[in-house]
Amino acid sequence: MALFKKRTAGKPGEWYYCLEHKKVEEGPECPAKNRFGPYATREEASHAMETARERNLEWETDPRWHDQPRPDEDQG
C-alpha cells in the first residue's frame, strides 16, 4: 500500500502558474517541478512571477541571510 497517493487531477478552485507554458492553470496540469502554487485565485496565480521576484529581493536584502565573516576567518 502506498503511503502517498499521487493526485492526477487538481481540485476546483486551486490555481497554479506553469513555468514551462507561462500560463495560469486551474488544478495542477503540469508536473510540480514546473509550477508555482497553489493560489487561492486566478488573479494571484497570474502574478506568480512578480510575487517570486518580490520575495527573492526581500530574501536577498535580508541581513539575517547574509552571515558576516568572523574576524579570525581567512578572507582569501
N, C-alpha and C. Protein backbone atom coordinates (compact mmCIF):
# COMPACT_ATOMS: atom_id res chain seq x y z
N MET A 1 0.84 -1.17 0.00
CA MET A 1 0.00 0.00 0.00
C MET A 1 0.90 1.24 0.00
N ALA A 2 0.59 2.18 -0.87
CA ALA A 2 1.38 3.40 -0.99
C ALA A 2 1.10 4.34 0.18
N LEU A 3 2.15 4.99 0.63
CA LEU A 3 1.98 5.97 1.71
C LEU A 3 1.35 7.26 1.20
N PHE A 4 1.67 7.61 -0.01
CA PHE A 4 1.15 8.84 -0.59
C PHE A 4 0.45 8.51 -1.89
N LYS A 5 -0.72 9.05 -2.05
CA LYS A 5 -1.44 8.86 -3.30
C LYS A 5 -1.05 9.96 -4.26
N LYS A 6 -0.77 9.58 -5.49
CA LYS A 6 -0.45 10.56 -6.50
C LYS A 6 -1.74 11.14 -7.04
N ARG A 7 -1.89 12.43 -6.86
CA ARG A 7 -3.10 13.08 -7.34
C ARG A 7 -2.89 13.47 -8.79
N THR A 8 -3.71 12.98 -9.66
CA THR A 8 -3.55 13.25 -11.08
C THR A 8 -4.40 14.43 -11.55
N ALA A 9 -5.41 14.79 -10.78
CA ALA A 9 -6.26 15.92 -11.16
C ALA A 9 -6.32 16.90 -10.01
N GLY A 10 -6.39 18.16 -10.36
CA GLY A 10 -6.44 19.19 -9.33
C GLY A 10 -7.85 19.36 -8.79
N LYS A 11 -7.91 20.11 -7.71
CA LYS A 11 -9.20 20.44 -7.11
C LYS A 11 -9.71 21.73 -7.74
N PRO A 12 -10.99 21.81 -8.01
CA PRO A 12 -11.53 23.08 -8.50
C PRO A 12 -11.23 24.18 -7.48
N GLY A 13 -10.82 25.33 -7.97
CA GLY A 13 -10.51 26.44 -7.08
C GLY A 13 -9.05 26.54 -6.70
N GLU A 14 -8.23 25.54 -7.08
CA GLU A 14 -6.78 25.62 -6.86
C GLU A 14 -6.16 26.14 -8.15
N TRP A 15 -5.40 27.20 -8.02
CA TRP A 15 -4.80 27.82 -9.20
C TRP A 15 -3.29 27.72 -9.13
N TYR A 16 -2.67 27.48 -10.27
CA TYR A 16 -1.22 27.32 -10.37
C TYR A 16 -0.71 28.17 -11.53
N TYR A 17 0.59 28.48 -11.47
CA TYR A 17 1.23 29.14 -12.60
C TYR A 17 2.26 28.17 -13.15
N CYS A 18 2.11 27.79 -14.41
CA CYS A 18 3.03 26.85 -15.06
C CYS A 18 4.22 27.62 -15.59
N LEU A 19 5.42 27.26 -15.13
CA LEU A 19 6.65 27.92 -15.54
C LEU A 19 7.06 27.52 -16.96
N GLU A 20 6.70 26.33 -17.36
CA GLU A 20 7.06 25.86 -18.71
C GLU A 20 6.21 26.53 -19.78
N HIS A 21 4.89 26.56 -19.56
CA HIS A 21 3.96 27.11 -20.55
C HIS A 21 3.64 28.58 -20.33
N LYS A 22 4.09 29.12 -19.17
CA LYS A 22 3.86 30.52 -18.81
C LYS A 22 2.38 30.87 -18.86
N LYS A 23 1.59 30.03 -18.15
CA LYS A 23 0.15 30.28 -18.11
C LYS A 23 -0.43 29.82 -16.78
N VAL A 24 -1.60 30.36 -16.48
CA VAL A 24 -2.33 30.00 -15.27
C VAL A 24 -3.16 28.76 -15.56
N GLU A 25 -3.18 27.84 -14.60
CA GLU A 25 -3.94 26.59 -14.75
C GLU A 25 -4.82 26.39 -13.52
N GLU A 26 -6.02 25.90 -13.72
CA GLU A 26 -6.85 25.51 -12.58
C GLU A 26 -6.58 24.04 -12.32
N GLY A 27 -6.14 23.76 -11.11
CA GLY A 27 -5.73 22.40 -10.79
C GLY A 27 -4.40 22.12 -11.44
N PRO A 28 -3.58 21.28 -10.87
CA PRO A 28 -2.26 21.05 -11.47
C PRO A 28 -2.37 20.23 -12.75
N GLU A 29 -2.02 20.86 -13.85
CA GLU A 29 -1.99 20.16 -15.13
C GLU A 29 -0.57 19.67 -15.44
N CYS A 30 0.41 20.44 -15.00
CA CYS A 30 1.82 20.13 -15.28
C CYS A 30 2.49 19.59 -14.02
N PRO A 31 3.64 18.95 -14.17
CA PRO A 31 4.36 18.41 -13.01
C PRO A 31 4.72 19.51 -12.00
N ALA A 32 4.83 19.13 -10.75
CA ALA A 32 5.12 20.07 -9.67
C ALA A 32 6.41 20.85 -9.92
N LYS A 33 7.40 20.22 -10.53
CA LYS A 33 8.68 20.90 -10.78
C LYS A 33 8.53 22.08 -11.74
N ASN A 34 7.41 22.15 -12.45
CA ASN A 34 7.20 23.20 -13.44
C ASN A 34 6.15 24.22 -13.04
N ARG A 35 5.79 24.27 -11.75
CA ARG A 35 4.71 25.20 -11.40
C ARG A 35 4.89 25.83 -10.03
N PHE A 36 4.26 26.98 -9.85
CA PHE A 36 4.14 27.65 -8.57
C PHE A 36 2.69 27.50 -8.14
N GLY A 37 2.46 27.36 -6.86
CA GLY A 37 1.10 27.30 -6.36
C GLY A 37 0.95 26.21 -5.34
N PRO A 38 -0.22 26.02 -4.83
CA PRO A 38 -1.49 26.57 -5.31
C PRO A 38 -1.74 27.99 -4.78
N TYR A 39 -2.53 28.72 -5.53
CA TYR A 39 -3.01 30.04 -5.16
C TYR A 39 -4.52 29.97 -5.00
N ALA A 40 -5.05 30.87 -4.22
CA ALA A 40 -6.49 30.87 -3.93
C ALA A 40 -7.32 31.37 -5.11
N THR A 41 -6.73 32.24 -5.93
CA THR A 41 -7.48 32.81 -7.04
C THR A 41 -6.66 32.80 -8.32
N ARG A 42 -7.35 32.92 -9.43
CA ARG A 42 -6.69 33.02 -10.74
C ARG A 42 -5.80 34.28 -10.76
N GLU A 43 -6.30 35.36 -10.19
CA GLU A 43 -5.57 36.62 -10.15
C GLU A 43 -4.22 36.46 -9.44
N GLU A 44 -4.23 35.82 -8.27
CA GLU A 44 -2.98 35.59 -7.54
C GLU A 44 -2.00 34.76 -8.37
N ALA A 45 -2.50 33.72 -9.01
CA ALA A 45 -1.64 32.86 -9.84
C ALA A 45 -1.06 33.64 -11.01
N SER A 46 -1.82 34.57 -11.56
CA SER A 46 -1.34 35.33 -12.72
C SER A 46 -0.19 36.27 -12.33
N HIS A 47 -0.05 36.57 -11.04
CA HIS A 47 1.04 37.43 -10.57
C HIS A 47 2.16 36.62 -9.91
N ALA A 48 2.22 35.33 -10.17
CA ALA A 48 3.19 34.44 -9.51
C ALA A 48 4.63 34.88 -9.74
N MET A 49 4.99 35.26 -10.95
CA MET A 49 6.37 35.64 -11.23
C MET A 49 6.72 36.95 -10.53
N GLU A 50 5.80 37.88 -10.50
CA GLU A 50 6.02 39.15 -9.80
C GLU A 50 6.19 38.90 -8.30
N THR A 51 5.34 38.04 -7.74
CA THR A 51 5.44 37.69 -6.33
C THR A 51 6.79 37.04 -6.03
N ALA A 52 7.22 36.14 -6.90
CA ALA A 52 8.52 35.47 -6.71
C ALA A 52 9.67 36.48 -6.75
N ARG A 53 9.63 37.43 -7.69
CA ARG A 53 10.68 38.45 -7.77
C ARG A 53 10.72 39.28 -6.49
N GLU A 54 9.54 39.68 -5.99
CA GLU A 54 9.48 40.48 -4.77
C GLU A 54 10.04 39.70 -3.58
N ARG A 55 9.67 38.44 -3.45
CA ARG A 55 10.16 37.62 -2.35
C ARG A 55 11.65 37.39 -2.45
N ASN A 56 12.15 37.15 -3.65
CA ASN A 56 13.59 36.96 -3.83
C ASN A 56 14.36 38.21 -3.42
N LEU A 57 13.85 39.37 -3.80
CA LEU A 57 14.51 40.62 -3.43
C LEU A 57 14.52 40.80 -1.91
N GLU A 58 13.40 40.48 -1.27
CA GLU A 58 13.34 40.57 0.19
C GLU A 58 14.38 39.66 0.83
N TRP A 59 14.49 38.43 0.34
CA TRP A 59 15.44 37.48 0.92
C TRP A 59 16.88 37.90 0.65
N GLU A 60 17.14 38.40 -0.56
CA GLU A 60 18.50 38.80 -0.90
C GLU A 60 18.97 40.00 -0.09
N THR A 61 18.05 40.84 0.35
CA THR A 61 18.43 42.03 1.11
C THR A 61 18.19 41.86 2.61
N ASP A 62 17.80 40.69 3.05
CA ASP A 62 17.58 40.43 4.47
C ASP A 62 18.93 40.15 5.13
N PRO A 63 19.33 40.99 6.08
CA PRO A 63 20.65 40.79 6.70
C PRO A 63 20.77 39.47 7.47
N ARG A 64 19.66 38.90 7.88
CA ARG A 64 19.72 37.62 8.60
C ARG A 64 20.21 36.48 7.71
N TRP A 65 20.13 36.63 6.39
CA TRP A 65 20.56 35.57 5.47
C TRP A 65 22.00 35.75 5.02
N HIS A 66 22.62 36.84 5.42
CA HIS A 66 23.99 37.11 4.99
C HIS A 66 24.89 37.13 6.22
N ASP A 67 25.47 36.00 6.53
CA ASP A 67 26.36 35.90 7.68
C ASP A 67 27.62 36.73 7.43
N GLN A 68 28.01 37.48 8.42
CA GLN A 68 29.25 38.24 8.35
C GLN A 68 30.40 37.30 8.71
N PRO A 69 31.50 37.39 7.98
CA PRO A 69 32.65 36.53 8.30
C PRO A 69 33.21 36.89 9.68
N ARG A 70 33.67 35.88 10.38
CA ARG A 70 34.29 36.11 11.68
C ARG A 70 35.66 36.72 11.46
N PRO A 71 36.11 37.57 12.39
CA PRO A 71 37.43 38.21 12.23
C PRO A 71 38.57 37.22 12.09
N ASP A 72 38.45 36.03 12.68
CA ASP A 72 39.54 35.05 12.63
C ASP A 72 39.53 34.18 11.36
N GLU A 73 38.53 34.38 10.48
CA GLU A 73 38.46 33.59 9.24
C GLU A 73 39.30 34.24 8.15
N ASP A 74 39.95 33.41 7.35
CA ASP A 74 40.76 33.89 6.24
C ASP A 74 39.84 34.33 5.11
N GLN A 75 40.02 35.51 4.57
CA GLN A 75 39.19 36.06 3.51
C GLN A 75 39.65 35.64 2.13
N GLY A 76 40.79 35.04 1.99
CA GLY A 76 41.34 34.76 0.67
C GLY A 76 41.30 33.35 0.35
